[in-house]
Amino acid sequence: MKIRTLVLLSLLAGCGDDDGGGTPDARPAADASAPDAGLALGTAAQIQTWMNGKTFLMNGANIPSHPNGINEDQNAGQATQCYVSVSMVASNNNLAVTSVLGTLEGAPNVLDIGTCNHTAQNGMVNFTSNTVLVENVMNNGQCFDITVTYTGFGQEGRGKISPDGRTMTLELFFSGQATGHRCANGAVGSATVMRNGAPFTGNAQQIYMVQ
């Protein structure tokens, strides 16, 4: 009888969390709930503290069709948005950005539409921000306004941090080119954006994995 009781208790114990701890098993998708209670992201200062010291990488399928609001397949001169990858190192509330450029094929002239080749590197550029402003934080980091200024240009939009703290999504546009791109207008990715006076129908959500 004692042996049967021990076996039964062992089977019951095995039906709990599979990680052996007090953390819950699989949770809903990132947009379905606020970040884990262990991530304190309710203020701008908390978000910037969380960012500082981390390296973020965007590549592959995490590169959107319209980085900064510009079609990656369009020849936009110096503003062409064809990438192999983009990495950001956050420190002292600023970002050091390294962009590995892809090769835009079949679009020799400005405004031509071709094809962005994400696997053929065509140079590299580096930028360090002058300021990174985080504002209007909602739902413990599920939406926040972000404005990044560099020498000669800027980016602005809205962002979110995944519940597990492994990804940060930034829906960014070049400064002065968009409206309706803030958290007051809707969640990240909402169809609220006007770019250069016309409804924006592309995807500008840059997804960065924490390294």
Protein backbone atom coordinates (compact mmCIF):
# COMPACT_ATOMS: atom_id res chain seq x y z
CA MET A 1 0.00 0.00 0.00
CA LYS A 2 2.82 2.40 0.84
CA ILE A 3 4.50 1.75 -2.51
CA ARG A 4 1.27 2.43 -4.42
CA THR A 5 0.77 5.68 -2.49
CA LEU A 6 4.29 6.87 -3.33
CA VAL A 7 3.78 6.09 -7.01
CA LEU A 8 0.48 7.99 -7.06
CA LEU A 9 2.05 11.03 -5.39
CA SER A 10 4.88 11.01 -7.95
CA LEU A 11 2.43 10.97 -10.85
CA LEU A 12 0.43 13.85 -9.38
CA ALA A 13 3.59 15.91 -8.87
CA GLY A 14 4.51 15.40 -12.53
CA CYS A 15 1.28 17.04 -13.68
CA GLY A 16 2.30 20.49 -12.42
CA ASP A 17 4.61 23.05 -14.12
CA ASP A 18 7.07 21.30 -16.38
CA ASP A 19 9.86 23.67 -15.36
CA GLY A 20 9.76 22.48 -11.77
CA GLY A 21 9.24 26.00 -10.45
CA GLY A 22 6.44 28.39 -9.70
CA THR A 23 6.34 30.05 -13.14
CA PRO A 24 3.30 29.35 -15.32
CA ASP A 25 3.45 27.19 -18.43
CA ALA A 26 2.89 28.54 -21.95
CA ARG A 27 1.19 31.93 -21.93
CA PRO A 28 -0.82 33.74 -24.59
CA ALA A 29 0.76 35.55 -27.50
CA ALA A 30 2.69 38.74 -26.81
CA ASP A 31 -0.15 41.09 -27.66
CA ALA A 32 -2.69 39.20 -25.57
CA SER A 33 -1.46 40.36 -22.17
CA ALA A 34 0.70 42.89 -20.42
CA PRO A 35 4.36 42.02 -19.78
CA ASP A 36 5.25 39.64 -16.95
CA ALA A 37 4.84 41.17 -13.52
CA GLY A 38 8.60 40.79 -13.06
CA LEU A 39 9.20 43.42 -15.77
CA ALA A 40 8.53 46.88 -14.38
CA LEU A 41 7.95 48.94 -17.52
CA GLY A 42 5.30 51.40 -16.45
CA THR A 43 7.36 54.58 -16.83
CA ALA A 44 9.70 56.08 -19.40
CA ALA A 45 12.60 55.80 -16.96
CA GLN A 46 11.92 52.09 -16.41
CA ILE A 47 11.85 51.40 -20.14
CA GLN A 48 15.12 53.21 -20.73
CA THR A 49 16.72 51.43 -17.78
CA TRP A 50 15.56 48.12 -19.27
CA MET A 51 17.05 49.07 -22.66
CA ASN A 52 20.41 50.25 -21.31
CA GLY A 53 23.13 47.62 -21.53
CA LYS A 54 21.28 45.51 -24.10
CA THR A 55 22.05 44.77 -27.73
CA PHE A 56 19.09 44.49 -30.10
CA LEU A 57 19.17 42.80 -33.52
CA MET A 58 16.71 42.95 -36.42
CA ASN A 59 17.24 40.62 -39.37
CA GLY A 60 15.47 38.12 -41.59
CA ALA A 61 11.68 38.05 -41.31
CA ASN A 62 11.82 40.67 -38.54
CA ILE A 63 12.64 43.37 -41.12
CA PRO A 64 9.35 44.99 -42.17
CA SER A 65 8.32 45.80 -45.72
CA HIS A 66 8.47 49.54 -45.03
CA PRO A 67 11.26 50.45 -42.57
CA ASN A 68 10.81 54.05 -41.43
CA GLY A 69 7.73 54.15 -43.66
CA ILE A 70 9.60 53.65 -46.95
CA ASN A 71 9.10 50.65 -49.22
CA GLU A 72 12.25 48.53 -48.96
CA ASP A 73 11.98 47.78 -52.70
CA GLN A 74 12.03 51.45 -53.72
CA ASN A 75 15.06 53.46 -54.71
CA ALA A 76 14.84 56.36 -52.25
CA GLY A 77 18.35 57.65 -52.83
CA GLN A 78 20.30 57.95 -49.57
CA ALA A 79 17.12 57.03 -47.67
CA THR A 80 16.77 53.61 -49.36
CA GLN A 81 15.62 51.09 -46.74
CA CYS A 82 17.00 47.76 -47.97
CA TYR A 83 18.77 45.95 -45.10
CA VAL A 84 20.57 42.74 -44.26
CA SER A 85 20.36 43.59 -40.57
CA VAL A 86 20.20 46.41 -38.06
CA SER A 87 21.72 46.20 -34.59
CA MET A 88 21.38 48.69 -31.75
CA VAL A 89 23.42 48.95 -28.56
CA ALA A 90 21.66 50.93 -25.84
CA SER A 91 23.65 52.79 -23.18
CA ASN A 92 23.22 56.01 -21.22
CA ASN A 93 19.71 56.42 -22.70
CA ASN A 94 21.08 56.51 -26.25
CA LEU A 95 21.42 54.11 -29.17
CA ALA A 96 24.47 53.16 -31.24
CA VAL A 97 23.06 51.79 -34.50
CA THR A 98 24.83 49.65 -37.09
CA SER A 99 22.93 49.10 -40.33
CA VAL A 100 24.19 46.42 -42.71
CA LEU A 101 22.77 47.44 -46.08
CA GLY A 102 21.25 44.99 -48.52
CA THR A 103 21.33 45.29 -52.29
CA LEU A 104 18.42 46.90 -54.13
CA GLU A 105 18.17 45.16 -57.49
CA GLY A 106 16.35 46.34 -60.61
CA ALA A 107 15.81 49.93 -59.48
CA PRO A 108 18.60 52.07 -60.92
CA ASN A 109 16.82 55.43 -60.65
CA VAL A 110 15.29 57.27 -57.71
CA LEU A 111 11.62 56.25 -57.21
CA ASP A 112 12.11 53.06 -59.24
CA ILE A 113 10.71 49.90 -57.65
CA GLY A 114 12.91 46.81 -57.68
CA THR A 115 13.66 44.00 -55.24
CA CYS A 116 15.54 44.21 -51.95
CA ASN A 117 18.08 41.40 -51.72
CA HIS A 118 18.51 40.83 -47.98
CA THR A 119 21.38 38.40 -48.41
CA ALA A 120 23.77 40.50 -50.54
CA GLN A 121 25.54 43.09 -48.41
CA ASN A 122 26.08 46.48 -50.00
CA GLY A 123 27.86 48.50 -47.35
CA MET A 124 27.41 49.45 -43.72
CA VAL A 125 26.48 52.67 -41.91
CA ASN A 126 26.72 53.65 -38.24
CA PHE A 127 24.76 56.25 -36.30
CA THR A 128 24.71 57.24 -32.65
CA SER A 129 21.68 59.06 -31.34
CA ASN A 130 21.85 62.44 -29.68
CA THR A 131 18.68 61.82 -27.66
CA VAL A 132 16.13 59.05 -27.15
CA LEU A 133 12.84 60.31 -25.74
CA VAL A 134 10.31 57.82 -24.37
CA GLU A 135 6.86 59.13 -23.44
CA ASN A 136 3.23 58.16 -22.91
CA VAL A 137 3.89 54.66 -21.58
CA MET A 138 0.78 52.45 -21.52
CA ASN A 139 -0.03 49.06 -19.98
CA ASN A 140 3.41 48.35 -18.55
CA GLY A 141 5.28 48.73 -21.83
CA GLN A 142 2.70 47.43 -24.29
CA CYS A 143 2.82 50.83 -26.00
CA PHE A 144 5.10 53.83 -25.62
CA ASP A 145 5.93 56.81 -27.79
CA ILE A 146 9.56 57.06 -28.88
CA THR A 147 11.47 59.85 -30.61
CA VAL A 148 15.10 59.38 -31.59
CA THR A 149 17.23 62.26 -32.84
CA TYR A 150 20.47 61.90 -34.77
CA THR A 151 22.65 64.52 -36.41
CA GLY A 152 20.73 65.49 -39.55
CA PHE A 153 17.62 63.33 -39.12
CA GLY A 154 15.26 61.74 -36.64
CA GLN A 155 12.82 58.90 -36.14
CA GLU A 156 9.51 58.93 -34.30
CA GLY A 157 6.67 56.56 -33.64
CA ARG A 158 5.56 54.00 -31.06
CA GLY A 159 6.96 50.83 -29.60
CA LYS A 160 6.24 47.85 -27.36
CA ILE A 161 8.16 45.25 -25.38
CA SER A 162 7.08 41.60 -25.43
CA PRO A 163 5.81 40.02 -22.20
CA ASP A 164 8.90 37.83 -21.91
CA GLY A 165 11.26 40.76 -22.49
CA ARG A 166 12.90 39.06 -25.47
CA THR A 167 11.76 41.42 -28.23
CA MET A 168 11.18 45.11 -28.72
CA THR A 169 9.05 46.28 -31.64
CA LEU A 170 9.49 49.83 -32.93
CA GLU A 171 7.06 51.24 -35.48
CA LEU A 172 9.14 54.17 -36.71
CA PHE A 173 8.90 56.87 -39.36
CA PHE A 174 11.32 59.60 -40.35
CA SER A 175 10.54 62.77 -38.44
CA GLY A 176 7.98 65.05 -40.01
CA GLN A 177 6.65 62.46 -42.47
CA ALA A 178 3.85 60.84 -40.47
CA THR A 179 0.89 61.53 -38.22
CA GLY A 180 -1.32 59.14 -36.25
CA HIS A 181 1.74 57.10 -35.29
CA ARG A 182 1.60 57.54 -31.52
CA CYS A 183 0.06 55.44 -28.74
CA ALA A 184 -2.76 57.95 -28.30
CA ASN A 185 -3.84 56.98 -31.83
CA GLY A 186 -3.76 53.24 -31.24
CA ALA A 187 -1.60 50.24 -30.44
CA VAL A 188 1.59 49.45 -32.35
CA GLY A 189 0.63 48.40 -35.88
CA SER A 190 -2.83 49.98 -35.79
CA ALA A 191 -4.10 51.36 -39.12
CA THR A 192 -4.00 54.93 -37.84
CA VAL A 193 -0.99 56.32 -39.69
CA MET A 194 -0.97 58.95 -42.39
CA ARG A 195 2.34 59.34 -44.21
CA ASN A 196 2.95 62.41 -46.35
CA GLY A 197 -0.79 63.10 -46.27
CA ALA A 198 -1.94 59.65 -47.45
CA PRO A 199 -3.07 56.57 -45.51
CA PHE A 200 -0.09 54.35 -44.74
CA THR A 201 -0.80 50.75 -45.72
CA GLY A 202 2.64 49.20 -45.32
CA ASN A 203 4.31 47.53 -42.35
CA ALA A 204 6.82 49.68 -40.49
CA GLN A 205 7.17 47.45 -37.41
CA GLN A 206 10.85 46.78 -36.82
CA ILE A 207 11.20 43.73 -34.54
CA TYR A 208 14.40 43.60 -32.49
CA MET A 209 15.53 40.48 -30.64
CA VAL A 210 17.41 40.99 -27.40
CA GLN A 211 20.84 39.40 -27.79
